[in-house]
Amino acid sequence: MRKAITAGLLVAACTCVSLALLQDAPRAEESTSKSTSTGDSESDLTARIDAEIEKAWKRDGVKPVGQCSDEEFLRRVYLDTVGVPPTYDEAVAFLDSKDKDKRNELIDQLIDDPRCGQHMGDHWPVLLTPRRADALSGANLMAQWFADEFNKDTGFNTIIREIVTADGELVDNPAIVPYFAD
């Protein structure tokens, strides 16, 4: 049980870090030497995060597997970012590509896709609101608010600040849903 909770917390932490890094992550056409909000280069910050994850793996006896196939990557990245599998044409275009950076380019493309914001917007209210029937309408408002914020490239730190400092009426400020649902 303890390992399951630890693994769940690690996944949640990695998700939060990933979302925060997306705000500062360079696109394929940008320089990779860009500084992050910590002042470190992206590659230095990535190396630090990777080292912490590797420490947790060693501590918990987790053996990482090798890199997945292009087919498996394609399915996973679509489901994780936009919530749906790729279309036939999208799959063929990716799988036929000989570009050695095609995975990073696809990630950039999917993060910029409005479906990514909608998919993220669908998940966060579930985490932040209780599982009570009277919270469902508010959760729907919050899901759309999250989707809009993610699609506007609002920083995760700003989104969290809006939730923590939320006040007013539900219809005017969906960020208040976690407090309204209590």
N, C-alpha and C. Protein backbone atom coordinates (compact mmCIF):
# COMPACT_ATOMS: atom_id res chain seq x y z
N MET A 1 0.83 -1.19 0.00
CA MET A 1 0.00 0.00 0.00
C MET A 1 0.87 1.25 0.00
N ARG A 2 1.92 1.24 0.84
CA ARG A 2 2.80 2.40 0.93
C ARG A 2 3.45 2.70 -0.42
N LYS A 3 3.89 1.64 -1.13
CA LYS A 3 4.51 1.84 -2.44
C LYS A 3 3.51 2.41 -3.44
N ALA A 4 2.26 1.97 -3.37
CA ALA A 4 1.24 2.48 -4.28
C ALA A 4 1.00 3.97 -4.04
N ILE A 5 0.94 4.36 -2.77
CA ILE A 5 0.73 5.78 -2.44
C ILE A 5 1.94 6.59 -2.89
N THR A 6 3.14 6.08 -2.63
CA THR A 6 4.36 6.78 -3.06
C THR A 6 4.38 6.93 -4.57
N ALA A 7 4.04 5.87 -5.28
CA ALA A 7 4.01 5.93 -6.75
C ALA A 7 2.99 6.94 -7.23
N GLY A 8 1.82 6.97 -6.60
CA GLY A 8 0.79 7.94 -6.97
C GLY A 8 1.24 9.36 -6.74
N LEU A 9 1.90 9.60 -5.61
CA LEU A 9 2.42 10.94 -5.33
C LEU A 9 3.51 11.32 -6.31
N LEU A 10 4.36 10.38 -6.69
CA LEU A 10 5.40 10.66 -7.66
C LEU A 10 4.80 11.02 -9.01
N VAL A 11 3.77 10.29 -9.43
CA VAL A 11 3.10 10.60 -10.69
C VAL A 11 2.48 11.99 -10.63
N ALA A 12 1.81 12.32 -9.53
CA ALA A 12 1.20 13.64 -9.39
C ALA A 12 2.27 14.73 -9.41
N ALA A 13 3.38 14.51 -8.73
CA ALA A 13 4.46 15.50 -8.71
C ALA A 13 5.05 15.68 -10.10
N CYS A 14 5.25 14.58 -10.81
CA CYS A 14 5.80 14.67 -12.16
C CYS A 14 4.85 15.40 -13.10
N THR A 15 3.55 15.17 -12.94
CA THR A 15 2.56 15.88 -13.74
C THR A 15 2.64 17.38 -13.48
N CYS A 16 2.71 17.77 -12.22
CA CYS A 16 2.80 19.19 -11.88
C CYS A 16 4.08 19.81 -12.42
N VAL A 17 5.19 19.10 -12.28
CA VAL A 17 6.47 19.61 -12.80
C VAL A 17 6.40 19.73 -14.32
N SER A 18 5.83 18.72 -14.97
CA SER A 18 5.71 18.76 -16.43
C SER A 18 4.88 19.94 -16.88
N LEU A 19 3.77 20.17 -16.22
CA LEU A 19 2.93 21.30 -16.59
C LEU A 19 3.65 22.62 -16.37
N ALA A 20 4.38 22.72 -15.28
CA ALA A 20 5.13 23.95 -15.02
C ALA A 20 6.22 24.14 -16.06
N LEU A 21 6.89 23.06 -16.44
CA LEU A 21 7.96 23.16 -17.43
C LEU A 21 7.43 23.47 -18.82
N LEU A 22 6.21 23.04 -19.12
CA LEU A 22 5.63 23.33 -20.43
C LEU A 22 5.56 24.83 -20.66
N GLN A 23 5.37 25.57 -19.60
CA GLN A 23 5.30 27.01 -19.72
C GLN A 23 6.62 27.58 -20.22
N ASP A 24 7.74 26.98 -19.82
CA ASP A 24 9.05 27.48 -20.19
C ASP A 24 9.76 26.63 -21.23
N ALA A 25 9.17 25.51 -21.61
CA ALA A 25 9.86 24.61 -22.52
C ALA A 25 9.97 25.21 -23.91
N PRO A 26 11.17 25.16 -24.52
CA PRO A 26 11.31 25.69 -25.87
C PRO A 26 10.63 24.78 -26.87
N ARG A 27 10.06 25.37 -27.90
CA ARG A 27 9.48 24.60 -28.99
C ARG A 27 10.62 24.11 -29.87
N ALA A 28 10.32 23.25 -30.82
CA ALA A 28 11.35 22.68 -31.68
C ALA A 28 12.15 23.77 -32.39
N GLU A 29 11.50 24.89 -32.73
CA GLU A 29 12.18 25.95 -33.47
C GLU A 29 12.96 26.90 -32.56
N GLU A 30 12.85 26.77 -31.25
CA GLU A 30 13.52 27.66 -30.31
C GLU A 30 14.82 27.04 -29.82
N SER A 31 15.68 27.87 -29.25
CA SER A 31 16.95 27.41 -28.70
C SER A 31 16.71 26.56 -27.46
N THR A 32 17.51 25.52 -27.29
CA THR A 32 17.37 24.67 -26.11
C THR A 32 18.15 25.22 -24.93
N SER A 33 18.83 26.37 -25.10
CA SER A 33 19.58 26.94 -23.98
C SER A 33 18.74 27.93 -23.18
N LYS A 34 17.47 28.02 -23.48
CA LYS A 34 16.58 28.95 -22.79
C LYS A 34 16.57 28.67 -21.29
N SER A 35 16.55 29.73 -20.50
CA SER A 35 16.51 29.58 -19.05
C SER A 35 15.08 29.34 -18.60
N THR A 36 14.95 28.61 -17.51
CA THR A 36 13.65 28.35 -16.91
C THR A 36 13.41 29.37 -15.81
N SER A 37 12.28 29.27 -15.15
CA SER A 37 11.96 30.21 -14.07
C SER A 37 12.90 30.05 -12.88
N THR A 38 13.63 28.92 -12.81
CA THR A 38 14.59 28.72 -11.72
C THR A 38 15.93 29.36 -12.03
N GLY A 39 16.12 29.81 -13.27
CA GLY A 39 17.39 30.37 -13.69
C GLY A 39 18.31 29.34 -14.31
N ASP A 40 17.98 28.06 -14.18
CA ASP A 40 18.77 27.00 -14.79
C ASP A 40 18.39 26.86 -16.26
N SER A 41 19.29 26.30 -17.06
CA SER A 41 18.92 25.99 -18.43
C SER A 41 17.93 24.83 -18.39
N GLU A 42 17.17 24.69 -19.46
CA GLU A 42 16.20 23.60 -19.48
C GLU A 42 16.89 22.25 -19.36
N SER A 43 18.03 22.09 -20.03
CA SER A 43 18.72 20.79 -19.97
C SER A 43 19.25 20.51 -18.57
N ASP A 44 19.73 21.55 -17.84
CA ASP A 44 20.18 21.34 -16.46
C ASP A 44 19.02 20.95 -15.55
N LEU A 45 17.90 21.64 -15.72
CA LEU A 45 16.73 21.34 -14.90
C LEU A 45 16.20 19.93 -15.20
N THR A 46 16.18 19.58 -16.48
CA THR A 46 15.76 18.24 -16.86
C THR A 46 16.66 17.18 -16.24
N ALA A 47 17.97 17.42 -16.26
CA ALA A 47 18.92 16.47 -15.67
C ALA A 47 18.69 16.34 -14.16
N ARG A 48 18.40 17.44 -13.48
CA ARG A 48 18.13 17.39 -12.04
C ARG A 48 16.87 16.58 -11.74
N ILE A 49 15.82 16.81 -12.52
CA ILE A 49 14.56 16.08 -12.32
C ILE A 49 14.78 14.60 -12.60
N ASP A 50 15.48 14.29 -13.71
CA ASP A 50 15.76 12.89 -14.04
C ASP A 50 16.55 12.21 -12.92
N ALA A 51 17.52 12.92 -12.33
CA ALA A 51 18.32 12.34 -11.25
C ALA A 51 17.45 12.03 -10.03
N GLU A 52 16.51 12.92 -9.70
CA GLU A 52 15.61 12.67 -8.56
C GLU A 52 14.70 11.48 -8.83
N ILE A 53 14.20 11.38 -10.03
CA ILE A 53 13.34 10.24 -10.38
C ILE A 53 14.15 8.95 -10.31
N GLU A 54 15.39 8.98 -10.83
CA GLU A 54 16.25 7.79 -10.78
C GLU A 54 16.54 7.37 -9.33
N LYS A 55 16.74 8.35 -8.44
CA LYS A 55 16.95 8.03 -7.02
C LYS A 55 15.74 7.30 -6.45
N ALA A 56 14.53 7.80 -6.78
CA ALA A 56 13.31 7.16 -6.28
C ALA A 56 13.17 5.75 -6.84
N TRP A 57 13.51 5.56 -8.11
CA TRP A 57 13.46 4.23 -8.70
C TRP A 57 14.39 3.27 -7.97
N LYS A 58 15.62 3.72 -7.73
CA LYS A 58 16.60 2.87 -7.03
C LYS A 58 16.12 2.54 -5.63
N ARG A 59 15.63 3.55 -4.93
CA ARG A 59 15.15 3.35 -3.56
C ARG A 59 14.01 2.33 -3.52
N ASP A 60 13.11 2.41 -4.49
CA ASP A 60 11.93 1.55 -4.50
C ASP A 60 12.11 0.27 -5.32
N GLY A 61 13.30 0.05 -5.86
CA GLY A 61 13.56 -1.16 -6.63
C GLY A 61 12.86 -1.20 -7.97
N VAL A 62 12.60 -0.06 -8.57
CA VAL A 62 11.93 0.00 -9.87
C VAL A 62 12.98 -0.10 -10.97
N LYS A 63 12.74 -0.97 -11.93
CA LYS A 63 13.65 -1.13 -13.07
C LYS A 63 12.98 -0.51 -14.30
N PRO A 64 13.52 0.60 -14.80
CA PRO A 64 12.91 1.22 -15.98
C PRO A 64 13.05 0.33 -17.21
N VAL A 65 12.08 0.39 -18.08
CA VAL A 65 12.12 -0.38 -19.31
C VAL A 65 12.74 0.47 -20.41
N GLY A 66 13.08 -0.16 -21.51
CA GLY A 66 13.66 0.56 -22.64
C GLY A 66 12.63 1.45 -23.33
N GLN A 67 13.11 2.19 -24.30
CA GLN A 67 12.24 3.09 -25.05
C GLN A 67 11.20 2.27 -25.82
N CYS A 68 9.98 2.77 -25.82
CA CYS A 68 8.89 2.06 -26.50
C CYS A 68 8.99 2.26 -28.02
N SER A 69 8.24 1.45 -28.74
CA SER A 69 8.20 1.55 -30.20
C SER A 69 7.48 2.83 -30.61
N ASP A 70 7.66 3.23 -31.87
CA ASP A 70 6.95 4.41 -32.37
C ASP A 70 5.44 4.23 -32.29
N GLU A 71 4.97 3.03 -32.55
CA GLU A 71 3.53 2.77 -32.51
C GLU A 71 2.99 2.97 -31.09
N GLU A 72 3.70 2.43 -30.11
CA GLU A 72 3.25 2.57 -28.73
C GLU A 72 3.36 4.02 -28.26
N PHE A 73 4.45 4.68 -28.63
CA PHE A 73 4.62 6.10 -28.27
C PHE A 73 3.47 6.92 -28.85
N LEU A 74 3.15 6.69 -30.11
CA LEU A 74 2.10 7.45 -30.79
C LEU A 74 0.77 7.32 -30.05
N ARG A 75 0.40 6.11 -29.72
CA ARG A 75 -0.86 5.88 -29.00
C ARG A 75 -0.84 6.57 -27.64
N ARG A 76 0.25 6.37 -26.90
CA ARG A 76 0.34 6.95 -25.55
C ARG A 76 0.32 8.48 -25.57
N VAL A 77 1.10 9.07 -26.47
CA VAL A 77 1.20 10.54 -26.46
C VAL A 77 -0.13 11.17 -26.86
N TYR A 78 -0.86 10.57 -27.78
CA TYR A 78 -2.17 11.10 -28.14
C TYR A 78 -3.15 10.97 -26.97
N LEU A 79 -3.21 9.80 -26.36
CA LEU A 79 -4.14 9.61 -25.25
C LEU A 79 -3.79 10.50 -24.06
N ASP A 80 -2.50 10.66 -23.78
CA ASP A 80 -2.09 11.48 -22.63
C ASP A 80 -2.27 12.97 -22.86
N THR A 81 -2.10 13.44 -24.08
CA THR A 81 -2.19 14.89 -24.33
C THR A 81 -3.56 15.35 -24.78
N VAL A 82 -4.17 14.66 -25.72
CA VAL A 82 -5.45 15.13 -26.25
C VAL A 82 -6.62 14.21 -25.93
N GLY A 83 -6.33 13.07 -25.31
CA GLY A 83 -7.40 12.21 -24.82
C GLY A 83 -8.05 11.29 -25.83
N VAL A 84 -7.53 11.25 -27.05
CA VAL A 84 -8.08 10.37 -28.08
C VAL A 84 -6.92 9.74 -28.85
N PRO A 85 -7.15 8.57 -29.44
CA PRO A 85 -6.08 7.98 -30.26
C PRO A 85 -5.91 8.77 -31.56
N PRO A 86 -4.78 8.62 -32.22
CA PRO A 86 -4.59 9.34 -33.48
C PRO A 86 -5.51 8.79 -34.57
N THR A 87 -5.81 9.64 -35.54
CA THR A 87 -6.56 9.17 -36.70
C THR A 87 -5.62 8.31 -37.56
N TYR A 88 -6.20 7.65 -38.51
CA TYR A 88 -5.39 6.83 -39.43
C TYR A 88 -4.34 7.70 -40.12
N ASP A 89 -4.77 8.85 -40.65
CA ASP A 89 -3.85 9.73 -41.37
C ASP A 89 -2.74 10.25 -40.46
N GLU A 90 -3.09 10.60 -39.22
CA GLU A 90 -2.08 11.07 -38.26
C GLU A 90 -1.07 9.96 -37.96
N ALA A 91 -1.57 8.75 -37.79
CA ALA A 91 -0.69 7.61 -37.49
C ALA A 91 0.25 7.33 -38.65
N VAL A 92 -0.28 7.30 -39.86
CA VAL A 92 0.55 7.02 -41.03
C VAL A 92 1.62 8.10 -41.21
N ALA A 93 1.22 9.37 -41.06
CA ALA A 93 2.19 10.47 -41.22
C ALA A 93 3.33 10.34 -40.22
N PHE A 94 3.01 10.04 -38.98
CA PHE A 94 4.05 9.91 -37.95
C PHE A 94 4.92 8.68 -38.19
N LEU A 95 4.28 7.55 -38.42
CA LEU A 95 5.04 6.30 -38.55
C LEU A 95 5.90 6.26 -39.81
N ASP A 96 5.48 6.96 -40.87
CA ASP A 96 6.26 6.99 -42.11
C ASP A 96 7.39 8.02 -42.06
N SER A 97 7.34 8.93 -41.11
CA SER A 97 8.36 9.98 -41.02
C SER A 97 9.72 9.40 -40.65
N LYS A 98 10.75 9.89 -41.30
CA LYS A 98 12.13 9.47 -41.00
C LYS A 98 12.84 10.50 -40.14
N ASP A 99 12.14 11.57 -39.74
CA ASP A 99 12.72 12.65 -38.93
C ASP A 99 13.14 12.09 -37.57
N LYS A 100 14.40 12.27 -37.20
CA LYS A 100 14.87 11.71 -35.93
C LYS A 100 14.30 12.45 -34.72
N ASP A 101 13.75 13.65 -34.92
CA ASP A 101 13.16 14.42 -33.82
C ASP A 101 11.63 14.40 -33.87
N LYS A 102 11.07 13.41 -34.57
CA LYS A 102 9.62 13.41 -34.79
C LYS A 102 8.82 13.28 -33.49
N ARG A 103 9.35 12.64 -32.48
CA ARG A 103 8.62 12.50 -31.21
C ARG A 103 8.48 13.86 -30.53
N ASN A 104 9.58 14.60 -30.43
CA ASN A 104 9.51 15.93 -29.81
C ASN A 104 8.62 16.87 -30.60
N GLU A 105 8.70 16.79 -31.92
CA GLU A 105 7.86 17.65 -32.76
C GLU A 105 6.38 17.31 -32.57
N LEU A 106 6.05 16.03 -32.46
CA LEU A 106 4.66 15.63 -32.23
C LEU A 106 4.18 16.12 -30.87
N ILE A 107 5.02 16.01 -29.86
CA ILE A 107 4.64 16.51 -28.53
C ILE A 107 4.33 17.99 -28.60
N ASP A 108 5.20 18.78 -29.25
CA ASP A 108 4.95 20.22 -29.40
C ASP A 108 3.63 20.48 -30.12
N GLN A 109 3.38 19.73 -31.19
CA GLN A 109 2.15 19.88 -31.96
C GLN A 109 0.92 19.58 -31.11
N LEU A 110 0.96 18.50 -30.35
CA LEU A 110 -0.19 18.11 -29.53
C LEU A 110 -0.42 19.05 -28.36
N ILE A 111 0.65 19.58 -27.78
CA ILE A 111 0.49 20.54 -26.69
C ILE A 111 -0.18 21.82 -27.19
N ASP A 112 0.09 22.18 -28.44
CA ASP A 112 -0.53 23.37 -29.03
C ASP A 112 -1.96 23.11 -29.51
N ASP A 113 -2.37 21.87 -29.56
CA ASP A 113 -3.71 21.50 -30.02
C ASP A 113 -4.74 21.88 -28.95
N PRO A 114 -5.83 22.57 -29.31
CA PRO A 114 -6.85 22.94 -28.31
C PRO A 114 -7.43 21.74 -27.56
N ARG A 115 -7.38 20.56 -28.16
CA ARG A 115 -7.87 19.36 -27.47
C ARG A 115 -7.04 19.05 -26.23
N CYS A 116 -5.78 19.49 -26.22
CA CYS A 116 -4.92 19.25 -25.05
C CYS A 116 -5.47 20.03 -23.85
N GLY A 117 -5.79 21.30 -24.06
CA GLY A 117 -6.36 22.10 -22.98
C GLY A 117 -7.67 21.52 -22.48
N GLN A 118 -8.50 21.06 -23.42
CA GLN A 118 -9.78 20.46 -23.04
C GLN A 118 -9.57 19.18 -22.24
N HIS A 119 -8.62 18.37 -22.68
CA HIS A 119 -8.33 17.11 -21.98
C HIS A 119 -7.82 17.39 -20.56
N MET A 120 -6.91 18.34 -20.43
CA MET A 120 -6.41 18.70 -19.10
C MET A 120 -7.54 19.29 -18.26
N GLY A 121 -8.37 20.10 -18.90
CA GLY A 121 -9.51 20.70 -18.21
C GLY A 121 -10.50 19.67 -17.69
N ASP A 122 -10.61 18.56 -18.37
CA ASP A 122 -11.51 17.50 -17.92
C ASP A 122 -10.97 16.78 -16.69
N HIS A 123 -9.66 16.72 -16.54
CA HIS A 123 -9.05 15.96 -15.44
C HIS A 123 -8.92 16.75 -14.14
N TRP A 124 -8.53 17.99 -14.21
CA TRP A 124 -8.22 18.73 -12.98
C TRP A 124 -9.42 18.93 -12.05
N PRO A 125 -10.61 19.24 -12.54
CA PRO A 125 -11.74 19.37 -11.61
C PRO A 125 -12.04 18.09 -10.85
N VAL A 126 -11.80 16.95 -11.47
CA VAL A 126 -12.02 15.67 -10.80
C VAL A 126 -11.10 15.56 -9.58
N LEU A 127 -9.88 16.07 -9.72
CA LEU A 127 -8.93 16.02 -8.61
C LEU A 127 -9.24 17.04 -7.52
N LEU A 128 -9.89 18.14 -7.90
CA LEU A 128 -10.06 19.25 -6.97
C LEU A 128 -11.45 19.35 -6.34
N THR A 129 -12.40 18.58 -6.83
CA THR A 129 -13.75 18.68 -6.28
C THR A 129 -14.16 17.34 -5.67
N PRO A 130 -14.96 17.39 -4.61
CA PRO A 130 -15.42 16.14 -4.00
C PRO A 130 -16.36 15.38 -4.93
N ARG A 131 -16.49 14.12 -4.69
CA ARG A 131 -17.36 13.28 -5.53
C ARG A 131 -18.80 13.33 -5.02
N ARG A 132 -19.36 14.50 -5.05
CA ARG A 132 -20.76 14.67 -4.62
C ARG A 132 -21.57 15.15 -5.81
N ALA A 133 -22.77 14.71 -5.90
CA ALA A 133 -23.63 15.05 -7.04
C ALA A 133 -23.83 16.55 -7.17
N ASP A 134 -23.92 17.27 -6.04
CA ASP A 134 -24.18 18.71 -6.13
C ASP A 134 -22.97 19.49 -6.63
N ALA A 135 -21.81 18.84 -6.74
CA ALA A 135 -20.61 19.52 -7.23
C ALA A 135 -20.45 19.37 -8.74
N LEU A 136 -21.27 18.51 -9.37
CA LEU A 136 -21.06 18.21 -10.77
C LEU A 136 -21.22 19.41 -11.69
N SER A 137 -22.23 20.23 -11.50
CA SER A 137 -22.40 21.37 -12.40
C SER A 137 -21.25 22.35 -12.25
N GLY A 138 -20.76 22.54 -11.05
CA GLY A 138 -19.61 23.40 -10.84
C GLY A 138 -18.36 22.81 -11.45
N ALA A 139 -18.21 21.50 -11.38
CA ALA A 139 -17.04 20.85 -11.96
C ALA A 139 -17.02 21.05 -13.47
N ASN A 140 -18.20 21.03 -14.10
CA ASN A 140 -18.26 21.27 -15.54
C ASN A 140 -17.82 22.69 -15.88
N LEU A 141 -18.25 23.66 -15.07
CA LEU A 141 -17.80 25.05 -15.27
C LEU A 141 -16.30 25.15 -15.10
N MET A 142 -15.79 24.48 -14.08
CA MET A 142 -14.36 24.52 -13.82
C MET A 142 -13.58 23.82 -14.93
N ALA A 143 -14.10 22.72 -15.46
CA ALA A 143 -13.42 22.02 -16.55
C ALA A 143 -13.25 22.94 -17.75
N GLN A 144 -14.29 23.68 -18.09
CA GLN A 144 -14.19 24.60 -19.23
C GLN A 144 -13.23 25.74 -18.92
N TRP A 145 -13.25 26.23 -17.67
CA TRP A 145 -12.32 27.29 -17.26
C TRP A 145 -10.88 26.80 -17.39
N PHE A 146 -10.61 25.58 -16.88
CA PHE A 146 -9.26 25.00 -17.01
C PHE A 146 -8.87 24.89 -18.48
N ALA A 147 -9.76 24.37 -19.32
CA ALA A 147 -9.45 24.21 -20.74
C ALA A 147 -9.09 25.56 -21.36
N ASP A 148 -9.88 26.58 -21.07
CA ASP A 148 -9.60 27.92 -21.60
C ASP A 148 -8.25 28.43 -21.13
N GLU A 149 -7.95 28.24 -19.85
CA GLU A 149 -6.67 28.72 -19.30
C GLU A 149 -5.49 27.97 -19.93
N PHE A 150 -5.60 26.64 -20.04
CA PHE A 150 -4.51 25.88 -20.65
C PHE A 150 -4.32 26.27 -22.11
N ASN A 151 -5.41 26.47 -22.83
CA ASN A 151 -5.32 26.82 -24.25
C ASN A 151 -4.81 28.25 -24.45
N LYS A 152 -4.93 29.10 -23.45
CA LYS A 152 -4.36 30.46 -23.53
C LYS A 152 -2.90 30.47 -23.09
N ASP A 153 -2.36 29.31 -22.75
CA ASP A 153 -0.98 29.18 -22.24
C ASP A 153 -0.78 29.89 -20.91
N THR A 154 -1.83 29.96 -20.11
CA THR A 154 -1.70 30.51 -18.77
C THR A 154 -0.80 29.59 -17.96
N GLY A 155 0.13 30.15 -17.25
CA GLY A 155 1.06 29.35 -16.45
C GLY A 155 0.34 28.59 -15.35
N PHE A 156 0.84 27.41 -15.04
CA PHE A 156 0.23 26.59 -14.00
C PHE A 156 0.26 27.31 -12.66
N ASN A 157 1.33 28.07 -12.42
CA ASN A 157 1.42 28.83 -11.18
C ASN A 157 0.30 29.87 -11.10
N THR A 158 -0.05 30.48 -12.22
CA THR A 158 -1.14 31.47 -12.25
C THR A 158 -2.48 30.79 -12.02
N ILE A 159 -2.69 29.64 -12.63
CA ILE A 159 -3.94 28.90 -12.46
C ILE A 159 -4.13 28.53 -10.99
N ILE A 160 -3.09 28.01 -10.36
CA ILE A 160 -3.19 27.63 -8.95
C ILE A 160 -3.43 28.86 -8.08
N ARG A 161 -2.77 29.96 -8.39
CA ARG A 161 -2.99 31.20 -7.63
C ARG A 161 -4.46 31.64 -7.74
N GLU A 162 -5.04 31.53 -8.93
CA GLU A 162 -6.45 31.88 -9.13
C GLU A 162 -7.37 31.01 -8.27
N ILE A 163 -7.05 29.74 -8.17
CA ILE A 163 -7.87 28.84 -7.36
C ILE A 163 -7.72 29.14 -5.88
N VAL A 164 -6.49 29.31 -5.43
CA VAL A 164 -6.24 29.55 -4.00
C VAL A 164 -6.84 30.87 -3.54
N THR A 165 -6.84 31.88 -4.40
CA THR A 165 -7.34 33.20 -4.01
C THR A 165 -8.75 33.47 -4.53
N ALA A 166 -9.43 32.45 -5.03
CA ALA A 166 -10.75 32.63 -5.65
C ALA A 166 -11.77 33.15 -4.66
N ASP A 167 -12.61 34.07 -5.16
CA ASP A 167 -13.76 34.54 -4.38
C ASP A 167 -14.86 34.92 -5.37
N GLY A 168 -15.99 35.28 -4.86
CA GLY A 168 -17.10 35.67 -5.72
C GLY A 168 -18.12 34.57 -5.88
N GLU A 169 -18.87 34.66 -6.97
CA GLU A 169 -19.94 33.71 -7.27
C GLU A 169 -19.47 32.68 -8.28
N LEU A 170 -20.01 31.49 -8.18
CA LEU A 170 -19.63 30.39 -9.05
C LEU A 170 -19.77 30.73 -10.53
N VAL A 171 -20.87 31.35 -10.91
CA VAL A 171 -21.09 31.63 -12.33
C VAL A 171 -20.10 32.66 -12.86
N ASP A 172 -19.58 33.52 -12.00
CA ASP A 172 -18.63 34.54 -12.42
C ASP A 172 -17.18 34.08 -12.32
N ASN A 173 -16.91 33.10 -11.48
CA ASN A 173 -15.53 32.69 -11.23
C ASN A 173 -15.46 31.18 -10.99
N PRO A 174 -15.34 30.38 -12.06
CA PRO A 174 -15.28 28.93 -11.89
C PRO A 174 -14.11 28.44 -11.04
N ALA A 175 -13.10 29.27 -10.83
CA ALA A 175 -11.97 28.87 -9.98
C ALA A 175 -12.40 28.63 -8.54
N ILE A 176 -13.59 29.08 -8.18
CA ILE A 176 -14.08 28.93 -6.80
C ILE A 176 -14.71 27.55 -6.54
N VAL A 177 -14.85 26.74 -7.58
CA VAL A 177 -15.54 25.45 -7.46
C VAL A 177 -15.06 24.61 -6.28
N PRO A 178 -13.75 24.45 -6.03
CA PRO A 178 -13.36 23.60 -4.89
C PRO A 178 -13.92 24.10 -3.56
N TYR A 179 -14.11 25.39 -3.41
CA TYR A 179 -14.65 25.94 -2.16
C TYR A 179 -16.17 25.84 -2.15
N PHE A 180 -16.78 26.03 -3.30
CA PHE A 180 -18.23 25.97 -3.44
C PHE A 180 -18.74 24.56 -3.17
N ALA A 181 -17.96 23.56 -3.59
CA ALA A 181 -18.39 22.17 -3.48
C ALA A 181 -18.26 21.62 -2.07
N ASP A 182 -17.59 22.32 -1.19
CA ASP A 182 -17.42 21.83 0.19
C ASP A 182 -18.70 21.80 0.97
